[in-house]
Amino acid sequence: MIRGRRKTRVGRVVSNRMDKTVVVAVDWRQPHPLYHKSVKRVTTLRAHDEDQRCKMGDLVSLMETRPLSKTKRWRVTGVLSTGEVTEVSLEKMDGGEEAEG
């Protein structure tokens, strides 16, 4: 590998439950083979977060690195912006009322 030619990506943190690891969703576009319309695709990458500073919803920049585990091939190089994600409970999703039958 040539020095200075590592891939970089920008994505949003979708999970930070693991120790020193975050799951980042990277959006990209690809033209549809038949209709030639731009279709949005999402790739999830596992990234190393040494300081555990990333939270869910943060926009982060990633850099390719050597394999750190079975699935971890990226590391977090910086937090670009913080995002506020609120926890949603099942009661709020159902509307709080049960359907009468």
Foldseek 3Di string as FASTA:
>chain_A
DDPPPWDKFKFFFADDPDDQKTKTKGKDWDQDPPPRDIDIDIDIAIAGRPVSPADGGWIFMWTADPDPDPGHGIYTPGTPGHDDDDDDDPCVVVVVDDDDD
